[in-house]
Amino acid sequence: MLENNEYLGNNGEEVENNLEQLEAPYVGMLFETLEQARNYYEDYGKHVPKINKPNFMEEHYEKDASESIQFDCALLQDETEVTFQWLFETWLEAMGGRPPVSIITDQDLAMKRAIVTVFPNTHHRLCLWHIKKKFAEKLSHVYFKKSRFKIGLKKCIMSTYKVEEFEETWKSLIIEYKLEDNEWLNHLYEIRASWAPVYNRSIFFAGMNTTGRSEGINSFFDGFVTSSTNLREFVVKYEEALKRIIEKESDEDFESEHKYRIVNDGEFLLKHASQLYTRNVFNKFKDEWSQVNRYKVEENECDAEFLKYLVRTKFGESEEFMVKLNLQTYEGTC
């Protein structure tokens, strides 16, 4: 947002009338109103794939999809339901009325109630790290380093892929260790759909199950502000922190664009991926790809519409998955 109500962007009406000549946004483009700016970026986002320009994707989508992006911040006088409701409503207005697909929080009841009110269709998930952290406190007699209960519970939470499997394993552990009367565990089981990964595998959470990213942002700002920082100093320090974040993003973009990725000549898929992905995403893909040899694939069933594969582990803990591929859309489900 610029001074005198001028905004980055281009004229939204011009975009609609002449999509073929749509320009990518750049610093210095002016927009008369905020509404026109939003319309422009909406149209730009929808129609940008139609732009046929060499290296367009590499130039404009270099940002690592796995990085956290700071959109805005708010100063709150307390953490009550009313305050959180105001915060979410203000955020929703700034986002043009588009609620988030998913949101992860700790077990704050005031925040939970505000989310239900303002984002009724958003998938709300509880931070798994905060829940797991309480196991040692609430179940110290059975949950300790290398205990069989701890190993079994970890497998139940992280390595079950069907709801029935999770529930059967959980109940088996509870009975084996005589924890049927533990009120905390019973409550945790009642709200299991809000924290256990197996209930959220089909919902988009960008691979996250904790609030670790926001905690990381909090710790980053701790280097700039303290509990004794007054409001005037806070504004200045906040600007300094944002500049530091932008500098780090620029450094990462530069490395991603110019740092060579070492790939063997015979690794054609990895070589192709190295040309498309940012450095961090490529390294994640490379790690995933290295696990391929752990599995063997068998064609299970085929017809005019679908192709099914049975994927089994070759060694280690026995696992098997059914992968279904739609031959018309090339969409896969597991």
C-alpha atoms as a PDB file:
ATOM      1  CA  MET A   1       0.000   0.000   0.000  1.00  0.00           C
ATOM      2  CA  LEU A   2       1.404   3.403  -1.008  1.00  0.00           C
ATOM      3  CA  GLU A   3       0.714   6.912   0.235  1.00  0.00           C
ATOM      4  CA  ASN A   4      -2.333   8.900  -0.957  1.00  0.00           C
ATOM      5  CA  ASN A   5      -4.391   5.727  -1.394  1.00  0.00           C
ATOM      6  CA  GLU A   6      -2.321   4.511  -4.350  1.00  0.00           C
ATOM      7  CA  TYR A   7      -1.780   0.771  -4.555  1.00  0.00           C
ATOM      8  CA  LEU A   8       0.530  -1.584  -6.373  1.00  0.00           C
ATOM      9  CA  GLY A   9      -1.220  -3.101  -9.351  1.00  0.00           C
ATOM     10  CA  ASN A  10      -2.818  -2.255 -12.662  1.00  0.00           C
ATOM     11  CA  ASN A  11      -6.335  -1.375 -13.799  1.00  0.00           C
ATOM     12  CA  GLY A  12      -8.684  -4.321 -13.197  1.00  0.00           C
ATOM     13  CA  GLU A  13     -11.069  -3.311 -16.001  1.00  0.00           C
ATOM     14  CA  GLU A  14      -8.214  -3.146 -18.485  1.00  0.00           C
ATOM     15  CA  VAL A  15      -7.230  -6.674 -17.458  1.00  0.00           C
ATOM     16  CA  GLU A  16     -10.702  -8.015 -18.147  1.00  0.00           C
ATOM     17  CA  ASN A  17     -10.894  -6.308 -21.553  1.00  0.00           C
ATOM     18  CA  ASN A  18      -7.431  -7.256 -22.730  1.00  0.00           C
ATOM     19  CA  LEU A  19      -6.200 -10.439 -21.033  1.00  0.00           C
ATOM     20  CA  GLU A  20      -3.825 -11.233 -23.879  1.00  0.00           C
ATOM     21  CA  GLN A  21      -1.781  -8.110 -23.076  1.00  0.00           C
ATOM     22  CA  LEU A  22      -1.831  -8.616 -19.313  1.00  0.00           C
ATOM     23  CA  GLU A  23       1.455  -7.554 -17.719  1.00  0.00           C
ATOM     24  CA  ALA A  24       3.050  -9.061 -14.669  1.00  0.00           C
ATOM     25  CA  PRO A  25       2.919  -6.646 -11.704  1.00  0.00           C
ATOM     26  CA  TYR A  26       6.028  -4.648 -10.884  1.00  0.00           C
ATOM     27  CA  VAL A  27       7.004  -2.029  -8.321  1.00  0.00           C
ATOM     28  CA  GLY A  28       5.766   1.359  -9.467  1.00  0.00           C
ATOM     29  CA  MET A  29       2.522   0.245 -11.117  1.00  0.00           C
ATOM     30  CA  LEU A  30      -0.328   2.309  -9.695  1.00  0.00           C
ATOM     31  CA  PHE A  31      -3.868   1.436  -8.775  1.00  0.00           C
ATOM     32  CA  GLU A  32      -6.474   4.051  -7.938  1.00  0.00           C
ATOM     33  CA  THR A  33      -8.380   2.042  -5.319  1.00  0.00           C
ATOM     34  CA  LEU A  34      -7.830  -0.999  -3.155  1.00  0.00           C
ATOM     35  CA  GLU A  35     -10.824  -2.717  -4.765  1.00  0.00           C
ATOM     36  CA  GLN A  36      -9.314  -2.311  -8.247  1.00  0.00           C
ATOM     37  CA  ALA A  37      -6.011  -3.663  -6.955  1.00  0.00           C
ATOM     38  CA  ARG A  38      -7.721  -6.766  -5.607  1.00  0.00           C
ATOM     39  CA  ASN A  39      -9.614  -7.275  -8.861  1.00  0.00           C
ATOM     40  CA  TYR A  40      -6.392  -6.994 -10.838  1.00  0.00           C
ATOM     41  CA  TYR A  41      -4.511  -9.565  -8.780  1.00  0.00           C
ATOM     42  CA  GLU A  42      -7.519 -11.861  -8.833  1.00  0.00           C
ATOM     43  CA  ASP A  43      -7.620 -11.748 -12.632  1.00  0.00           C
ATOM     44  CA  TYR A  44      -3.854 -11.991 -12.837  1.00  0.00           C
ATOM     45  CA  GLY A  45      -3.860 -15.089 -10.647  1.00  0.00           C
ATOM     46  CA  LYS A  46      -6.593 -16.735 -12.711  1.00  0.00           C
ATOM     47  CA  HIS A  47      -5.206 -15.992 -16.153  1.00  0.00           C
ATOM     48  CA  VAL A  48      -1.440 -15.971 -15.619  1.00  0.00           C
ATOM     49  CA  PRO A  49      -1.104 -19.549 -17.009  1.00  0.00           C
ATOM     50  CA  LYS A  50      -2.346 -18.184 -20.348  1.00  0.00           C
ATOM     51  CA  ILE A  51       0.711 -15.968 -20.634  1.00  0.00           C
ATOM     52  CA  ASN A  52       3.167 -17.655 -22.952  1.00  0.00           C
ATOM     53  CA  LYS A  53       6.548 -16.219 -22.104  1.00  0.00           C
ATOM     54  CA  PRO A  54       9.911 -18.069 -21.955  1.00  0.00           C
ATOM     55  CA  ASN A  55      11.045 -18.823 -18.401  1.00  0.00           C
ATOM     56  CA  PHE A  56       7.942 -17.084 -17.014  1.00  0.00           C
ATOM     57  CA  MET A  57       7.385 -19.700 -14.325  1.00  0.00           C
ATOM     58  CA  GLU A  58      11.032 -19.660 -13.274  1.00  0.00           C
ATOM     59  CA  GLU A  59      11.091 -15.860 -13.099  1.00  0.00           C
ATOM     60  CA  HIS A  60       7.863 -15.333 -11.195  1.00  0.00           C
ATOM     61  CA  TYR A  61       7.461 -18.458  -9.073  1.00  0.00           C
ATOM     62  CA  GLU A  62      10.918 -18.843  -7.627  1.00  0.00           C
ATOM     63  CA  LYS A  63       9.571 -18.468  -4.099  1.00  0.00           C
ATOM     64  CA  ASP A  64      10.015 -21.642  -2.075  1.00  0.00           C
ATOM     65  CA  ALA A  65       6.558 -23.024  -1.381  1.00  0.00           C
ATOM     66  CA  SER A  66       7.802 -24.498   1.905  1.00  0.00           C
ATOM     67  CA  GLU A  67       8.757 -21.170   3.472  1.00  0.00           C
ATOM     68  CA  SER A  68       6.619 -19.226   5.910  1.00  0.00           C
ATOM     69  CA  ILE A  69       5.408 -15.835   4.704  1.00  0.00           C
ATOM     70  CA  GLN A  70       4.564 -13.005   7.093  1.00  0.00           C
ATOM     71  CA  PHE A  71       1.385 -11.313   5.811  1.00  0.00           C
ATOM     72  CA  ASP A  72       0.514  -9.005   8.672  1.00  0.00           C
ATOM     73  CA  CYS A  73       0.334  -8.655  12.437  1.00  0.00           C
ATOM     74  CA  ALA A  74      -2.027  -7.302  15.092  1.00  0.00           C
ATOM     75  CA  LEU A  75      -1.631  -5.967  18.619  1.00  0.00           C
ATOM     76  CA  LEU A  76      -4.063  -7.586  21.066  1.00  0.00           C
ATOM     77  CA  GLN A  77      -4.867  -6.309  24.544  1.00  0.00           C
ATOM     78  CA  ASP A  78      -5.921  -9.764  25.753  1.00  0.00           C
ATOM     79  CA  GLU A  79      -6.628 -13.305  24.547  1.00  0.00           C
ATOM     80  CA  THR A  80     -10.384 -13.501  25.005  1.00  0.00           C
ATOM     81  CA  GLU A  81     -12.926 -14.916  22.564  1.00  0.00           C
ATOM     82  CA  VAL A  82     -14.149 -11.405  21.659  1.00  0.00           C
ATOM     83  CA  THR A  83     -10.623 -10.233  20.861  1.00  0.00           C
ATOM     84  CA  PHE A  84      -9.826 -13.286  18.745  1.00  0.00           C
ATOM     85  CA  GLN A  85     -13.140 -12.884  16.939  1.00  0.00           C
ATOM     86  CA  TRP A  86     -12.245  -9.280  16.071  1.00  0.00           C
ATOM     87  CA  LEU A  87      -8.815 -10.416  14.891  1.00  0.00           C
ATOM     88  CA  PHE A  88     -10.191 -13.119  12.594  1.00  0.00           C
ATOM     89  CA  GLU A  89     -12.940 -10.870  11.203  1.00  0.00           C
ATOM     90  CA  THR A  90     -10.379  -8.154  10.437  1.00  0.00           C
ATOM     91  CA  TRP A  91      -8.117 -10.697   8.752  1.00  0.00           C
ATOM     92  CA  LEU A  92     -11.065 -12.068   6.755  1.00  0.00           C
ATOM     93  CA  GLU A  93     -11.931  -8.577   5.525  1.00  0.00           C
ATOM     94  CA  ALA A  94      -8.320  -7.975   4.473  1.00  0.00           C
ATOM     95  CA  MET A  95      -8.382 -11.260   2.530  1.00  0.00           C
ATOM     96  CA  GLY A  96     -11.444 -10.260   0.530  1.00  0.00           C
ATOM     97  CA  GLY A  97     -13.764 -12.532   2.492  1.00  0.00           C
ATOM     98  CA  ARG A  98     -11.764 -15.696   1.758  1.00  0.00           C
ATOM     99  CA  PRO A  99     -11.329 -17.842   4.889  1.00  0.00           C
ATOM    100  CA  PRO A 100      -8.299 -20.117   5.316  1.00  0.00           C
ATOM    101  CA  VAL A 101      -8.591 -23.719   4.137  1.00  0.00           C
ATOM    102  CA  SER A 102      -7.018 -24.970   7.348  1.00  0.00           C
ATOM    103  CA  ILE A 103      -5.661 -23.618  10.607  1.00  0.00           C
ATOM    104  CA  ILE A 104      -3.505 -25.120  13.383  1.00  0.00           C
ATOM    105  CA  THR A 105      -3.561 -23.814  16.959  1.00  0.00           C
ATOM    106  CA  ASP A 106      -2.856 -24.949  20.498  1.00  0.00           C
ATOM    107  CA  GLN A 107      -5.746 -25.947  22.785  1.00  0.00           C
ATOM    108  CA  ASP A 108      -6.780 -22.383  23.602  1.00  0.00           C
ATOM    109  CA  LEU A 109     -10.564 -22.538  24.145  1.00  0.00           C
ATOM    110  CA  ALA A 110     -11.180 -18.845  23.434  1.00  0.00           C
ATOM    111  CA  MET A 111      -9.420 -19.133  20.088  1.00  0.00           C
ATOM    112  CA  LYS A 112     -11.287 -22.338  19.276  1.00  0.00           C
ATOM    113  CA  ARG A 113     -14.682 -20.702  19.856  1.00  0.00           C
ATOM    114  CA  ALA A 114     -13.711 -17.673  17.758  1.00  0.00           C
ATOM    115  CA  ILE A 115     -12.609 -19.938  14.892  1.00  0.00           C
ATOM    116  CA  VAL A 116     -15.947 -21.766  14.933  1.00  0.00           C
ATOM    117  CA  THR A 117     -17.780 -18.427  14.763  1.00  0.00           C
ATOM    118  CA  VAL A 118     -15.706 -16.668  12.080  1.00  0.00           C
ATOM    119  CA  PHE A 119     -14.318 -19.632  10.086  1.00  0.00           C
ATOM    120  CA  PRO A 120     -17.080 -22.274  10.353  1.00  0.00           C
ATOM    121  CA  ASN A 121     -15.928 -24.132   7.223  1.00  0.00           C
ATOM    122  CA  THR A 122     -12.194 -24.010   7.956  1.00  0.00           C
ATOM    123  CA  HIS A 123     -10.506 -27.249   9.036  1.00  0.00           C
ATOM    124  CA  HIS A 124      -9.219 -26.581  12.555  1.00  0.00           C
ATOM    125  CA  ARG A 125      -6.494 -28.851  13.862  1.00  0.00           C
ATOM    126  CA  LEU A 126      -4.731 -28.908  17.235  1.00  0.00           C
ATOM    127  CA  CYS A 127      -0.952 -28.729  17.408  1.00  0.00           C
ATOM    128  CA  LEU A 128       0.379 -32.270  17.763  1.00  0.00           C
ATOM    129  CA  TRP A 129       3.617 -31.100  19.387  1.00  0.00           C
ATOM    130  CA  HIS A 130       1.761 -29.444  22.284  1.00  0.00           C
ATOM    131  CA  ILE A 131      -0.261 -32.616  22.852  1.00  0.00           C
ATOM    132  CA  LYS A 132       2.732 -34.970  22.701  1.00  0.00           C
ATOM    133  CA  LYS A 133       4.596 -32.685  25.090  1.00  0.00           C
ATOM    134  CA  LYS A 134       1.998 -33.422  27.790  1.00  0.00           C
ATOM    135  CA  PHE A 135       2.394 -37.203  27.613  1.00  0.00           C
ATOM    136  CA  ALA A 136       5.525 -37.175  29.790  1.00  0.00           C
ATOM    137  CA  GLU A 137       3.777 -34.927  32.323  1.00  0.00           C
ATOM    138  CA  LYS A 138       0.449 -36.783  32.475  1.00  0.00           C
ATOM    139  CA  LEU A 139       1.753 -40.351  32.017  1.00  0.00           C
ATOM    140  CA  SER A 140       5.227 -40.281  33.555  1.00  0.00           C
ATOM    141  CA  HIS A 141       4.873 -43.809  34.990  1.00  0.00           C
ATOM    142  CA  VAL A 142       4.564 -45.400  31.519  1.00  0.00           C
ATOM    143  CA  TYR A 143       5.785 -42.707  29.113  1.00  0.00           C
ATOM    144  CA  PHE A 144       9.553 -42.337  29.402  1.00  0.00           C
ATOM    145  CA  LYS A 145      12.617 -42.769  27.215  1.00  0.00           C
ATOM    146  CA  LYS A 146      12.547 -46.052  25.254  1.00  0.00           C
ATOM    147  CA  SER A 147       9.509 -47.352  27.146  1.00  0.00           C
ATOM    148  CA  ARG A 148       7.367 -49.864  25.228  1.00  0.00           C
ATOM    149  CA  PHE A 149       4.315 -47.681  25.783  1.00  0.00           C
ATOM    150  CA  LYS A 150       6.056 -44.652  24.270  1.00  0.00           C
ATOM    151  CA  ILE A 151       7.153 -46.666  21.224  1.00  0.00           C
ATOM    152  CA  GLY A 152       3.680 -48.136  20.789  1.00  0.00           C
ATOM    153  CA  LEU A 153       1.971 -44.770  21.181  1.00  0.00           C
ATOM    154  CA  LYS A 154       4.271 -43.158  18.624  1.00  0.00           C
ATOM    155  CA  LYS A 155       3.459 -45.922  16.146  1.00  0.00           C
ATOM    156  CA  CYS A 156      -0.260 -45.534  16.860  1.00  0.00           C
ATOM    157  CA  ILE A 157      -0.199 -41.779  16.236  1.00  0.00           C
ATOM    158  CA  MET A 158       2.277 -41.472  13.373  1.00  0.00           C
ATOM    159  CA  SER A 159       2.131 -44.791  11.512  1.00  0.00           C
ATOM    160  CA  THR A 160      -1.558 -45.621  11.187  1.00  0.00           C
ATOM    161  CA  TYR A 161      -3.252 -44.916   7.869  1.00  0.00           C
ATOM    162  CA  LYS A 162      -6.811 -46.027   8.584  1.00  0.00           C
ATOM    163  CA  VAL A 163      -9.136 -44.725  11.286  1.00  0.00           C
ATOM    164  CA  GLU A 164     -10.040 -48.258  12.375  1.00  0.00           C
ATOM    165  CA  GLU A 165      -6.363 -49.138  12.726  1.00  0.00           C
ATOM    166  CA  PHE A 166      -5.685 -46.073  14.897  1.00  0.00           C
ATOM    167  CA  GLU A 167      -8.667 -46.707  17.171  1.00  0.00           C
ATOM    168  CA  GLU A 168      -7.930 -50.413  17.619  1.00  0.00           C
ATOM    169  CA  THR A 169      -4.252 -49.750  18.380  1.00  0.00           C
ATOM    170  CA  TRP A 170      -5.132 -46.968  20.835  1.00  0.00           C
ATOM    171  CA  LYS A 171      -7.652 -49.095  22.731  1.00  0.00           C
ATOM    172  CA  SER A 172      -5.217 -51.995  22.837  1.00  0.00           C
ATOM    173  CA  LEU A 173      -2.538 -49.783  24.426  1.00  0.00           C
ATOM    174  CA  ILE A 174      -4.993 -48.346  26.955  1.00  0.00           C
ATOM    175  CA  ILE A 175      -6.065 -51.830  28.067  1.00  0.00           C
ATOM    176  CA  GLU A 176      -2.532 -53.266  28.119  1.00  0.00           C
ATOM    177  CA  TYR A 177      -1.235 -50.495  30.402  1.00  0.00           C
ATOM    178  CA  LYS A 178      -4.442 -50.245  32.483  1.00  0.00           C
ATOM    179  CA  LEU A 179      -5.163 -46.625  31.599  1.00  0.00           C
ATOM    180  CA  GLU A 180      -8.931 -46.951  31.167  1.00  0.00           C
ATOM    181  CA  ASP A 181      -9.636 -44.539  34.050  1.00  0.00           C
ATOM    182  CA  ASN A 182      -7.191 -41.821  32.995  1.00  0.00           C
ATOM    183  CA  GLU A 183      -9.422 -38.761  32.462  1.00  0.00           C
ATOM    184  CA  TRP A 184      -6.867 -36.838  30.410  1.00  0.00           C
ATOM    185  CA  LEU A 185      -6.393 -39.728  27.961  1.00  0.00           C
ATOM    186  CA  ASN A 186     -10.136 -40.291  27.724  1.00  0.00           C
ATOM    187  CA  HIS A 187     -10.686 -36.624  26.849  1.00  0.00           C
ATOM    188  CA  LEU A 188      -7.852 -36.764  24.324  1.00  0.00           C
ATOM    189  CA  TYR A 189      -9.506 -39.740  22.656  1.00  0.00           C
ATOM    190  CA  GLU A 190     -12.840 -37.903  22.524  1.00  0.00           C
ATOM    191  CA  ILE A 191     -11.248 -35.067  20.514  1.00  0.00           C
ATOM    192  CA  ARG A 192      -8.968 -37.395  18.486  1.00  0.00           C
ATOM    193  CA  ALA A 193     -10.309 -36.143  15.134  1.00  0.00           C
ATOM    194  CA  SER A 194      -8.837 -32.715  15.894  1.00  0.00           C
ATOM    195  CA  TRP A 195      -5.226 -33.855  16.417  1.00  0.00           C
ATOM    196  CA  ALA A 196      -4.530 -37.425  15.228  1.00  0.00           C
ATOM    197  CA  PRO A 197      -2.939 -37.355  11.728  1.00  0.00           C
ATOM    198  CA  VAL A 198      -5.034 -40.279  10.446  1.00  0.00           C
ATOM    199  CA  TYR A 199      -8.200 -38.148  10.588  1.00  0.00           C
ATOM    200  CA  ASN A 200      -6.642 -35.319   8.579  1.00  0.00           C
ATOM    201  CA  ARG A 201      -4.721 -37.102   5.832  1.00  0.00           C
ATOM    202  CA  SER A 202      -7.239 -36.062   3.170  1.00  0.00           C
ATOM    203  CA  ILE A 203      -7.239 -32.402   4.263  1.00  0.00           C
ATOM    204  CA  PHE A 204      -4.673 -29.887   3.033  1.00  0.00           C
ATOM    205  CA  PHE A 205      -2.320 -28.757   5.807  1.00  0.00           C
ATOM    206  CA  ALA A 206       0.811 -28.253   3.659  1.00  0.00           C
ATOM    207  CA  GLY A 207       2.513 -31.151   5.437  1.00  0.00           C
ATOM    208  CA  MET A 208       2.203 -29.489   8.848  1.00  0.00           C
ATOM    209  CA  ASN A 209       0.762 -30.909  12.062  1.00  0.00           C
ATOM    210  CA  THR A 210       2.240 -28.427  14.559  1.00  0.00           C
ATOM    211  CA  THR A 211       2.377 -24.668  15.140  1.00  0.00           C
ATOM    212  CA  GLY A 212       6.154 -24.853  14.855  1.00  0.00           C
ATOM    213  CA  ARG A 213       6.327 -22.288  12.063  1.00  0.00           C
ATOM    214  CA  SER A 214       4.534 -19.629  14.087  1.00  0.00           C
ATOM    215  CA  GLU A 215       6.679 -20.508  17.102  1.00  0.00           C
ATOM    216  CA  GLY A 216       9.708 -19.960  14.872  1.00  0.00           C
ATOM    217  CA  ILE A 217       8.428 -16.520  13.890  1.00  0.00           C
ATOM    218  CA  ASN A 218       7.861 -15.726  17.577  1.00  0.00           C
ATOM    219  CA  SER A 219      11.418 -16.677  18.495  1.00  0.00           C
ATOM    220  CA  PHE A 220      12.741 -14.633  15.572  1.00  0.00           C
ATOM    221  CA  PHE A 221      10.995 -11.492  16.843  1.00  0.00           C
ATOM    222  CA  ASP A 222      12.337 -12.181  20.343  1.00  0.00           C
ATOM    223  CA  GLY A 223      15.689 -10.999  19.012  1.00  0.00           C
ATOM    224  CA  PHE A 224      14.218  -7.553  18.358  1.00  0.00           C
ATOM    225  CA  VAL A 225      11.706  -6.914  21.141  1.00  0.00           C
ATOM    226  CA  THR A 226      11.423  -7.731  24.845  1.00  0.00           C
ATOM    227  CA  SER A 227       8.701  -7.456  27.486  1.00  0.00           C
ATOM    228  CA  SER A 228      10.013  -3.968  28.340  1.00  0.00           C
ATOM    229  CA  THR A 229       9.792  -2.632  24.756  1.00  0.00           C
ATOM    230  CA  ASN A 230       7.281   0.220  24.620  1.00  0.00           C
ATOM    231  CA  LEU A 231       4.742   0.650  21.810  1.00  0.00           C
ATOM    232  CA  ARG A 232       6.725   3.301  19.936  1.00  0.00           C
ATOM    233  CA  GLU A 233       9.900   1.207  20.019  1.00  0.00           C
ATOM    234  CA  PHE A 234       7.932  -1.883  19.023  1.00  0.00           C
ATOM    235  CA  VAL A 235       6.810  -0.334  15.723  1.00  0.00           C
ATOM    236  CA  VAL A 236      10.401   0.548  14.837  1.00  0.00           C
ATOM    237  CA  LYS A 237      11.750  -2.851  15.893  1.00  0.00           C
ATOM    238  CA  TYR A 238       8.985  -4.652  14.022  1.00  0.00           C
ATOM    239  CA  GLU A 239       9.966  -2.841  10.812  1.00  0.00           C
ATOM    240  CA  GLU A 240      13.593  -3.844  11.392  1.00  0.00           C
ATOM    241  CA  ALA A 241      12.566  -7.475  11.872  1.00  0.00           C
ATOM    242  CA  LEU A 242      10.506  -7.477   8.670  1.00  0.00           C
ATOM    243  CA  LYS A 243      13.431  -6.038   6.726  1.00  0.00           C
ATOM    244  CA  ARG A 244      15.636  -8.834   8.074  1.00  0.00           C
ATOM    245  CA  ILE A 245      13.059 -11.426   6.974  1.00  0.00           C
ATOM    246  CA  ILE A 246      12.928  -9.915   3.470  1.00  0.00           C
ATOM    247  CA  GLU A 247      16.736  -9.929   3.277  1.00  0.00           C
ATOM    248  CA  LYS A 248      16.818 -13.614   4.213  1.00  0.00           C
ATOM    249  CA  GLU A 249      14.188 -14.374   1.573  1.00  0.00           C
ATOM    250  CA  SER A 250      16.235 -12.519  -1.060  1.00  0.00           C
ATOM    251  CA  ASP A 251      19.367 -14.463  -0.079  1.00  0.00           C
ATOM    252  CA  GLU A 252      17.449 -17.739  -0.340  1.00  0.00           C
ATOM    253  CA  ASP A 253      16.029 -16.759  -3.740  1.00  0.00           C
ATOM    254  CA  PHE A 254      19.541 -15.964  -4.988  1.00  0.00           C
ATOM    255  CA  GLU A 255      20.938 -19.285  -3.765  1.00  0.00           C
ATOM    256  CA  SER A 256      17.977 -21.152  -5.201  1.00  0.00           C
ATOM    257  CA  GLU A 257      18.525 -19.581  -8.604  1.00  0.00           C
ATOM    258  CA  HIS A 258      22.318 -19.762  -8.789  1.00  0.00           C
ATOM    259  CA  LYS A 259      23.487 -22.623  -6.564  1.00  0.00           C
ATOM    260  CA  TYR A 260      24.140 -25.719  -8.667  1.00  0.00           C
ATOM    261  CA  ARG A 261      22.320 -28.918  -7.747  1.00  0.00           C
ATOM    262  CA  ILE A 262      24.529 -31.988  -8.058  1.00  0.00           C
ATOM    263  CA  VAL A 263      22.721 -34.819  -9.866  1.00  0.00           C
ATOM    264  CA  ASN A 264      24.144 -37.953 -11.495  1.00  0.00           C
ATOM    265  CA  ASP A 265      23.867 -38.072 -15.293  1.00  0.00           C
ATOM    266  CA  GLY A 266      21.657 -41.157 -15.174  1.00  0.00           C
ATOM    267  CA  GLU A 267      19.133 -39.597 -12.786  1.00  0.00           C
ATOM    268  CA  PHE A 268      16.885 -38.126 -15.477  1.00  0.00           C
ATOM    269  CA  LEU A 269      13.912 -37.454 -13.191  1.00  0.00           C
ATOM    270  CA  LEU A 270      16.053 -35.725 -10.569  1.00  0.00           C
ATOM    271  CA  LYS A 271      17.790 -33.694 -13.252  1.00  0.00           C
ATOM    272  CA  HIS A 272      14.433 -32.516 -14.561  1.00  0.00           C
ATOM    273  CA  ALA A 273      13.238 -31.733 -11.014  1.00  0.00           C
ATOM    274  CA  SER A 274      16.409 -29.726 -10.342  1.00  0.00           C
ATOM    275  CA  GLN A 275      15.466 -27.390 -13.190  1.00  0.00           C
ATOM    276  CA  LEU A 276      11.902 -26.834 -11.926  1.00  0.00           C
ATOM    277  CA  TYR A 277      12.069 -26.771  -8.135  1.00  0.00           C
ATOM    278  CA  THR A 278      13.596 -24.281  -5.762  1.00  0.00           C
ATOM    279  CA  ARG A 279      16.646 -25.494  -3.863  1.00  0.00           C
ATOM    280  CA  ASN A 280      14.820 -26.432  -0.653  1.00  0.00           C
ATOM    281  CA  VAL A 281      11.898 -28.125  -2.397  1.00  0.00           C
ATOM    282  CA  PHE A 282      14.291 -30.024  -4.664  1.00  0.00           C
ATOM    283  CA  ASN A 283      16.217 -31.336  -1.647  1.00  0.00           C
ATOM    284  CA  LYS A 284      12.947 -32.530  -0.087  1.00  0.00           C
ATOM    285  CA  PHE A 285      11.952 -34.221  -3.335  1.00  0.00           C
ATOM    286  CA  LYS A 286      15.394 -35.826  -3.555  1.00  0.00           C
ATOM    287  CA  ASP A 287      15.028 -37.245  -0.037  1.00  0.00           C
ATOM    288  CA  GLU A 288      11.601 -38.657  -0.922  1.00  0.00           C
ATOM    289  CA  TRP A 289      12.930 -40.119  -4.159  1.00  0.00           C
ATOM    290  CA  SER A 290      15.745 -41.871  -2.294  1.00  0.00           C
ATOM    291  CA  GLN A 291      13.082 -43.887  -0.428  1.00  0.00           C
ATOM    292  CA  VAL A 292      11.671 -45.392  -3.644  1.00  0.00           C
ATOM    293  CA  ASN A 293      13.944 -48.434  -3.447  1.00  0.00           C
ATOM    294  CA  ARG A 294      12.315 -49.420  -0.139  1.00  0.00           C
ATOM    295  CA  TYR A 295       9.164 -50.421  -2.010  1.00  0.00           C
ATOM    296  CA  LYS A 296       8.104 -52.802  -4.740  1.00  0.00           C
ATOM    297  CA  VAL A 297       5.157 -52.107  -7.027  1.00  0.00           C
ATOM    298  CA  GLU A 298       2.731 -54.642  -8.457  1.00  0.00           C
ATOM    299  CA  GLU A 299      -0.059 -53.895 -10.907  1.00  0.00           C
ATOM    300  CA  ASN A 300      -3.199 -55.024  -9.114  1.00  0.00           C
ATOM    301  CA  GLU A 301      -6.140 -54.211 -11.364  1.00  0.00           C
ATOM    302  CA  CYS A 302      -6.794 -52.338 -14.599  1.00  0.00           C
ATOM    303  CA  ASP A 303      -9.816 -51.222 -16.585  1.00  0.00           C
ATOM    304  CA  ALA A 304     -10.659 -48.447 -19.052  1.00  0.00           C
ATOM    305  CA  GLU A 305     -10.858 -45.822 -16.322  1.00  0.00           C
ATOM    306  CA  PHE A 306      -8.572 -46.803 -13.454  1.00  0.00           C
ATOM    307  CA  LEU A 307      -5.252 -48.502 -12.867  1.00  0.00           C
ATOM    308  CA  LYS A 308      -4.502 -49.898  -9.406  1.00  0.00           C
ATOM    309  CA  TYR A 309      -1.093 -50.699  -7.949  1.00  0.00           C
ATOM    310  CA  LEU A 310      -0.184 -52.527  -4.760  1.00  0.00           C
ATOM    311  CA  VAL A 311       2.876 -50.921  -3.152  1.00  0.00           C
ATOM    312  CA  ARG A 312       4.719 -52.966  -0.489  1.00  0.00           C
ATOM    313  CA  THR A 313       7.847 -52.412   1.555  1.00  0.00           C
ATOM    314  CA  LYS A 314      10.773 -54.658   0.576  1.00  0.00           C
ATOM    315  CA  PHE A 315      12.419 -54.604   3.995  1.00  0.00           C
ATOM    316  CA  GLY A 316      11.973 -53.106   7.439  1.00  0.00           C
ATOM    317  CA  GLU A 317       8.523 -52.811   8.975  1.00  0.00           C
ATOM    318  CA  SER A 318       5.865 -54.354   6.741  1.00  0.00           C
ATOM    319  CA  GLU A 319       3.588 -51.810   5.076  1.00  0.00           C
ATOM    320  CA  GLU A 320       1.384 -51.927   2.008  1.00  0.00           C
ATOM    321  CA  PHE A 321      -0.660 -49.329   0.166  1.00  0.00           C
ATOM    322  CA  MET A 322      -3.169 -49.403  -2.674  1.00  0.00           C
ATOM    323  CA  VAL A 323      -2.548 -46.637  -5.213  1.00  0.00           C
ATOM    324  CA  LYS A 324      -5.372 -45.849  -7.628  1.00  0.00           C
ATOM    325  CA  LEU A 325      -4.663 -43.838 -10.790  1.00  0.00           C
ATOM    326  CA  ASN A 326      -7.395 -42.217 -12.888  1.00  0.00           C
ATOM    327  CA  LEU A 327      -6.289 -42.734 -16.504  1.00  0.00           C
ATOM    328  CA  GLN A 328      -8.366 -39.805 -17.768  1.00  0.00           C
ATOM    329  CA  THR A 329      -7.267 -37.122 -15.302  1.00  0.00           C
ATOM    330  CA  TYR A 330      -4.026 -38.731 -14.022  1.00  0.00           C
ATOM    331  CA  GLU A 331      -5.172 -38.032 -10.480  1.00  0.00           C
ATOM    332  CA  GLY A 332      -3.909 -40.528  -7.930  1.00  0.00           C
ATOM    333  CA  THR A 333      -5.243 -41.631  -4.562  1.00  0.00           C
ATOM    334  CA  CYS A 334      -3.571 -43.813  -1.965  1.00  0.00           C
END
